PDB file of N, CA and C in Angstrom:
ATOM      1  N   MET A   1      -3.048   0.424 -15.413  1.00  0.00           N
ATOM      2  CA  MET A   1      -4.205   0.286 -14.587  1.00  0.00           C
ATOM      3  C   MET A   1      -5.264   0.277 -14.616  1.00  0.00           C
ATOM      4  N   GLU A   2      -6.136   1.092 -15.219  1.00  0.00           N
ATOM      5  CA  GLU A   2      -7.402   1.125 -15.651  1.00  0.00           C
ATOM      6  C   GLU A   2      -7.743  -0.017 -16.456  1.00  0.00           C
ATOM      7  N   THR A   3      -7.095  -0.634 -17.577  1.00  0.00           N
ATOM      8  CA  THR A   3      -7.550  -1.375 -18.153  1.00  0.00           C
ATOM      9  C   THR A   3      -7.777  -3.021 -16.932  1.00  0.00           C
ATOM     10  N   TRP A   4      -6.521  -2.867 -16.449  1.00  0.00           N
ATOM     11  CA  TRP A   4      -6.537  -3.895 -15.209  1.00  0.00           C
ATOM     12  C   TRP A   4      -7.817  -4.216 -14.428  1.00  0.00           C
ATOM     13  N   ILE A   5      -8.266  -2.710 -13.854  1.00  0.00           N
ATOM     14  CA  ILE A   5      -9.283  -2.598 -12.755  1.00  0.00           C
ATOM     15  C   ILE A   5     -10.470  -3.114 -13.523  1.00  0.00           C
ATOM     16  N   GLU A   6     -10.620  -2.522 -14.960  1.00  0.00           N
ATOM     17  CA  GLU A   6     -11.858  -3.171 -15.492  1.00  0.00           C
ATOM     18  C   GLU A   6     -11.685  -4.426 -15.736  1.00  0.00           C
ATOM     19  N   HIS A   7     -10.898  -4.980 -16.175  1.00  0.00           N
ATOM     20  CA  HIS A   7     -11.256  -6.908 -16.327  1.00  0.00           C
ATOM     21  C   HIS A   7     -11.237  -7.280 -14.988  1.00  0.00           C
ATOM     22  N   VAL A   8     -10.585  -6.942 -14.032  1.00  0.00           N
ATOM     23  CA  VAL A   8     -10.722  -7.519 -12.523  1.00  0.00           C
ATOM     24  C   VAL A   8     -12.526  -7.161 -12.373  1.00  0.00           C
ATOM     25  N   MET A   9     -12.977  -5.784 -12.533  1.00  0.00           N
ATOM     26  CA  MET A   9     -14.276  -5.994 -11.842  1.00  0.00           C
ATOM     27  C   MET A   9     -15.382  -6.964 -13.090  1.00  0.00           C
ATOM     28  N   GLN A  10     -14.946  -7.200 -14.209  1.00  0.00           N
ATOM     29  CA  GLN A  10     -15.522  -8.130 -15.150  1.00  0.00           C
ATOM     30  C   GLN A  10     -15.477  -9.645 -14.412  1.00  0.00           C
ATOM     31  N   SER A  11     -14.445  -9.939 -14.020  1.00  0.00           N
ATOM     32  CA  SER A  11     -14.076 -11.382 -13.172  1.00  0.00           C
ATOM     33  C   SER A  11     -14.892 -11.549 -12.547  1.00  0.00           C
ATOM     34  N   GLN A  12     -15.470 -12.799 -12.380  1.00  0.00           N
ATOM     35  CA  GLN A  12     -16.103 -13.522 -10.791  1.00  0.00           C
ATOM     36  C   GLN A  12     -15.271 -13.770  -9.546  1.00  0.00           C
ATOM     37  N   ILE A  13     -14.425 -13.217  -9.160  1.00  0.00           N
ATOM     38  CA  ILE A  13     -13.556 -13.122  -8.082  1.00  0.00           C
ATOM     39  C   ILE A  13     -13.687 -11.920  -7.226  1.00  0.00           C
ATOM     40  N   PRO A  14     -14.547 -12.233  -6.437  1.00  0.00           N
ATOM     41  CA  PRO A  14     -15.124 -11.279  -5.381  1.00  0.00           C
ATOM     42  C   PRO A  14     -14.119 -10.559  -4.625  1.00  0.00           C
ATOM     43  N   GLU A  15     -13.025 -11.531  -4.244  1.00  0.00           N
ATOM     44  CA  GLU A  15     -11.701 -10.693  -3.316  1.00  0.00           C
ATOM     45  C   GLU A  15     -10.923 -10.068  -4.369  1.00  0.00           C
ATOM     46  N   LEU A  16     -10.594 -10.556  -5.594  1.00  0.00           N
ATOM     47  CA  LEU A  16      -9.828  -9.572  -6.313  1.00  0.00           C
ATOM     48  C   LEU A  16     -10.855  -8.246  -6.768  1.00  0.00           C
ATOM     49  N   GLN A  17     -12.088  -8.103  -6.840  1.00  0.00           N
ATOM     50  CA  GLN A  17     -12.915  -7.143  -7.189  1.00  0.00           C
ATOM     51  C   GLN A  17     -12.715  -6.151  -5.590  1.00  0.00           C
ATOM     52  N   ARG A  18     -12.496  -6.670  -4.616  1.00  0.00           N
ATOM     53  CA  ARG A  18     -12.527  -5.835  -3.592  1.00  0.00           C
ATOM     54  C   ARG A  18     -11.317  -4.980  -3.449  1.00  0.00           C
ATOM     55  N   PHE A  19     -10.192  -5.771  -3.464  1.00  0.00           N
ATOM     56  CA  PHE A  19      -8.631  -5.393  -3.755  1.00  0.00           C
ATOM     57  C   PHE A  19      -8.607  -4.506  -4.524  1.00  0.00           C
ATOM     58  N   ALA A  20      -9.183  -4.696  -6.266  1.00  0.00           N
ATOM     59  CA  ALA A  20      -9.542  -3.259  -7.241  1.00  0.00           C
ATOM     60  C   ALA A  20     -10.175  -1.985  -7.007  1.00  0.00           C
ATOM     61  N   ARG A  21     -11.413  -2.273  -6.090  1.00  0.00           N
ATOM     62  CA  ARG A  21     -12.105  -1.144  -5.673  1.00  0.00           C
ATOM     63  C   ARG A  21     -11.008  -0.363  -4.534  1.00  0.00           C
ATOM     64  N   GLY A  22     -10.355  -0.759  -3.769  1.00  0.00           N
ATOM     65  CA  GLY A  22      -9.431  -0.319  -2.572  1.00  0.00           C
ATOM     66  C   GLY A  22      -8.357   0.600  -3.550  1.00  0.00           C
ATOM     67  N   VAL A  23      -7.803  -0.200  -4.620  1.00  0.00           N
ATOM     68  CA  VAL A  23      -7.024   0.381  -5.699  1.00  0.00           C
ATOM     69  C   VAL A  23      -7.390   1.774  -5.777  1.00  0.00           C
ATOM     70  N   GLU A  24      -8.548   1.568  -6.707  1.00  0.00           N
ATOM     71  CA  GLU A  24      -9.258   2.695  -7.316  1.00  0.00           C
ATOM     72  C   GLU A  24      -9.883   3.671  -6.491  1.00  0.00           C
ATOM     73  N   LEU A  25     -10.142   3.408  -5.509  1.00  0.00           N
ATOM     74  CA  LEU A  25     -10.262   4.313  -4.022  1.00  0.00           C
ATOM     75  C   LEU A  25      -9.190   5.327  -4.011  1.00  0.00           C
ATOM     76  N   ASP A  26      -7.728   4.603  -3.966  1.00  0.00           N
ATOM     77  CA  ASP A  26      -6.377   5.485  -3.525  1.00  0.00           C
ATOM     78  C   ASP A  26      -5.868   5.457  -4.803  1.00  0.00           C
ATOM     79  N   LYS A  27      -6.399   5.882  -6.118  1.00  0.00           N
ATOM     80  CA  LYS A  27      -5.630   5.689  -7.190  1.00  0.00           C
ATOM     81  C   LYS A  27      -4.324   6.688  -7.230  1.00  0.00           C
ATOM     82  N   ALA A  28      -4.721   7.756  -6.811  1.00  0.00           N
ATOM     83  CA  ALA A  28      -2.997   8.713  -6.940  1.00  0.00           C
ATOM     84  C   ALA A  28      -2.271   8.216  -6.367  1.00  0.00           C
ATOM     85  N   ALA A  29      -2.318   7.647  -4.869  1.00  0.00           N
ATOM     86  CA  ALA A  29      -1.498   7.054  -4.057  1.00  0.00           C
ATOM     87  C   ALA A  29      -0.721   5.839  -5.070  1.00  0.00           C
ATOM     88  N   VAL A  30      -1.612   5.306  -5.431  1.00  0.00           N
ATOM     89  CA  VAL A  30      -0.883   3.692  -6.237  1.00  0.00           C
ATOM     90  C   VAL A  30      -0.233   3.918  -7.429  1.00  0.00           C
ATOM     91  N   GLN A  31      -0.657   5.008  -8.102  1.00  0.00           N
ATOM     92  CA  GLN A  31       0.327   5.426  -9.448  1.00  0.00           C
ATOM     93  C   GLN A  31       1.613   6.487  -8.772  1.00  0.00           C
ATOM     94  N   SER A  32       1.560   7.175  -7.820  1.00  0.00           N
ATOM     95  CA  SER A  32       2.328   7.500  -7.256  1.00  0.00           C
ATOM     96  C   SER A  32       3.810   6.618  -6.750  1.00  0.00           C
ATOM     97  N   ARG A  33       2.973   5.745  -6.113  1.00  0.00           N
ATOM     98  CA  ARG A  33       4.030   4.747  -6.110  1.00  0.00           C
ATOM     99  C   ARG A  33       4.471   3.813  -7.152  1.00  0.00           C
ATOM    100  N   LEU A  34       3.759   3.561  -7.545  1.00  0.00           N
ATOM    101  CA  LEU A  34       4.200   2.576  -9.116  1.00  0.00           C
ATOM    102  C   LEU A  34       5.402   3.535 -10.151  1.00  0.00           C
ATOM    103  N   THR A  35       4.998   4.806 -10.321  1.00  0.00           N
ATOM    104  CA  THR A  35       5.917   5.721 -11.059  1.00  0.00           C
ATOM    105  C   THR A  35       7.030   6.632 -10.674  1.00  0.00           C
ATOM    106  N   ARG A  36       7.203   6.622  -9.422  1.00  0.00           N
ATOM    107  CA  ARG A  36       8.355   7.151  -8.439  1.00  0.00           C
ATOM    108  C   ARG A  36       8.950   6.174  -7.626  1.00  0.00           C
ATOM    109  N   SER A  37      10.570   6.475  -7.691  1.00  0.00           N
ATOM    110  CA  SER A  37      11.248   5.989  -7.313  1.00  0.00           C
ATOM    111  C   SER A  37      11.877   6.054  -5.647  1.00  0.00           C
ATOM    112  N   ILE A  38      10.789   7.005  -5.051  1.00  0.00           N
ATOM    113  CA  ILE A  38      11.094   7.703  -3.778  1.00  0.00           C
ATOM    114  C   ILE A  38      10.157   7.213  -3.065  1.00  0.00           C
ATOM    115  N   ASN A  39      10.513   6.392  -1.858  1.00  0.00           N
ATOM    116  CA  ASN A  39       9.700   6.203  -0.401  1.00  0.00           C
ATOM    117  C   ASN A  39      10.050   6.206   0.368  1.00  0.00           C
ATOM    118  N   ASN A  40       9.252   5.922   1.404  1.00  0.00           N
ATOM    119  CA  ASN A  40       9.766   6.532   3.109  1.00  0.00           C
ATOM    120  C   ASN A  40       9.969   5.073   3.914  1.00  0.00           C
ATOM    121  N   GLY A  41      10.527   4.372   3.107  1.00  0.00           N
ATOM    122  CA  GLY A  41      10.347   2.835   3.646  1.00  0.00           C
ATOM    123  C   GLY A  41      12.016   2.944   4.439  1.00  0.00           C
ATOM    124  N   PRO A  42      13.065   3.730   4.329  1.00  0.00           N
ATOM    125  CA  PRO A  42      13.948   3.500   5.703  1.00  0.00           C
ATOM    126  C   PRO A  42      13.841   4.438   6.494  1.00  0.00           C
ATOM    127  N   VAL A  43      12.538   5.625   6.161  1.00  0.00           N
ATOM    128  CA  VAL A  43      12.371   6.179   7.659  1.00  0.00           C
ATOM    129  C   VAL A  43      11.564   5.271   8.608  1.00  0.00           C
ATOM    130  N   GLU A  44      10.446   4.798   7.984  1.00  0.00           N
ATOM    131  CA  GLU A  44       9.700   3.822   8.507  1.00  0.00           C
ATOM    132  C   GLU A  44      10.404   2.965   9.315  1.00  0.00           C
ATOM    133  N   GLY A  45      11.738   2.203   8.651  1.00  0.00           N
ATOM    134  CA  GLY A  45      12.666   1.266   9.269  1.00  0.00           C
ATOM    135  C   GLY A  45      13.081   2.330  10.548  1.00  0.00           C
ATOM    136  N   GLN A  46      13.360   3.215  10.811  1.00  0.00           N
ATOM    137  CA  GLN A  46      14.278   3.840  11.536  1.00  0.00           C
ATOM    138  C   GLN A  46      12.943   4.121  12.904  1.00  0.00           C
ATOM    139  N   VAL A  47      11.672   4.598  12.482  1.00  0.00           N
ATOM    140  CA  VAL A  47      10.620   4.543  13.521  1.00  0.00           C
ATOM    141  C   VAL A  47      10.542   3.552  14.070  1.00  0.00           C
ATOM    142  N   THR A  48      10.452   2.316  13.430  1.00  0.00           N
ATOM    143  CA  THR A  48      10.013   0.871  14.026  1.00  0.00           C
ATOM    144  C   THR A  48      11.205   0.574  14.667  1.00  0.00           C
ATOM    145  N   LYS A  49      12.459   1.026  14.942  1.00  0.00           N
ATOM    146  CA  LYS A  49      13.370   0.537  15.612  1.00  0.00           C
ATOM    147  C   LYS A  49      13.512   1.399  17.128  1.00  0.00           C
ATOM    148  N   MET A  50      12.911   2.828  16.549  1.00  0.00           N
ATOM    149  CA  MET A  50      12.774   3.480  17.777  1.00  0.00           C
ATOM    150  C   MET A  50      11.802   2.831  18.695  1.00  0.00           C
ATOM    151  N   LYS A  51      10.659   2.482  18.160  1.00  0.00           N
ATOM    152  CA  LYS A  51       9.402   1.965  19.144  1.00  0.00           C
ATOM    153  C   LYS A  51      10.360   1.114  19.602  1.00  0.00           C
ATOM    154  N   LEU A  52      10.774   0.286  19.245  1.00  0.00           N
ATOM    155  CA  LEU A  52      11.424  -1.069  20.022  1.00  0.00           C
ATOM    156  C   LEU A  52      11.827  -0.733  21.021  1.00  0.00           C
ATOM    157  N   ILE A  53      13.131  -0.019  21.297  1.00  0.00           N
ATOM    158  CA  ILE A  53      13.976   0.553  21.750  1.00  0.00           C
ATOM    159  C   ILE A  53      13.103   1.416  22.968  1.00  0.00           C
ATOM    160  N   LYS A  54      12.245   2.296  22.714  1.00  0.00           N
ATOM    161  CA  LYS A  54      11.442   2.623  23.643  1.00  0.00           C
ATOM    162  C   LYS A  54      10.502   1.825  24.382  1.00  0.00           C
ATOM    163  N   ARG A  55       9.928   0.374  23.824  1.00  0.00           N
ATOM    164  CA  ARG A  55       9.227  -0.066  24.260  1.00  0.00           C
ATOM    165  C   ARG A  55      10.158  -1.074  25.616  1.00  0.00           C
ATOM    166  N   MET A  56      11.595  -1.431  25.130  1.00  0.00           N
ATOM    167  CA  MET A  56      12.644  -2.043  26.239  1.00  0.00           C
ATOM    168  C   MET A  56      12.916  -1.469  27.095  1.00  0.00           C
ATOM    169  N   VAL A  57      13.194  -0.093  27.102  1.00  0.00           N
ATOM    170  CA  VAL A  57      13.687   1.025  27.751  1.00  0.00           C
ATOM    171  C   VAL A  57      12.104   1.046  28.979  1.00  0.00           C
ATOM    172  N   TYR A  58      10.876   1.132  28.460  1.00  0.00           N
ATOM    173  CA  TYR A  58      10.121   1.648  29.672  1.00  0.00           C
ATOM    174  C   TYR A  58       9.391   0.064  29.959  1.00  0.00           C
ATOM    175  N   GLY A  59       9.475  -0.828  29.513  1.00  0.00           N
ATOM    176  CA  GLY A  59       9.106  -2.238  29.826  1.00  0.00           C
ATOM    177  C   GLY A  59       7.857  -2.442  29.256  1.00  0.00           C
TER     178      GLY A  59
END
């Protein structure tokens, strides 16, 4: 990841450079997501479902 960020920063693509800066700012979270198999996707799905039901009930 370090090498990729260095290459991107040397490139002439401003959009990709902005993305790489964001990745670098939150490097710990990005590395955690790339190296661990655990995620909160199922929990977020349940939360979204509950919010939908709440909106339907309360109009």
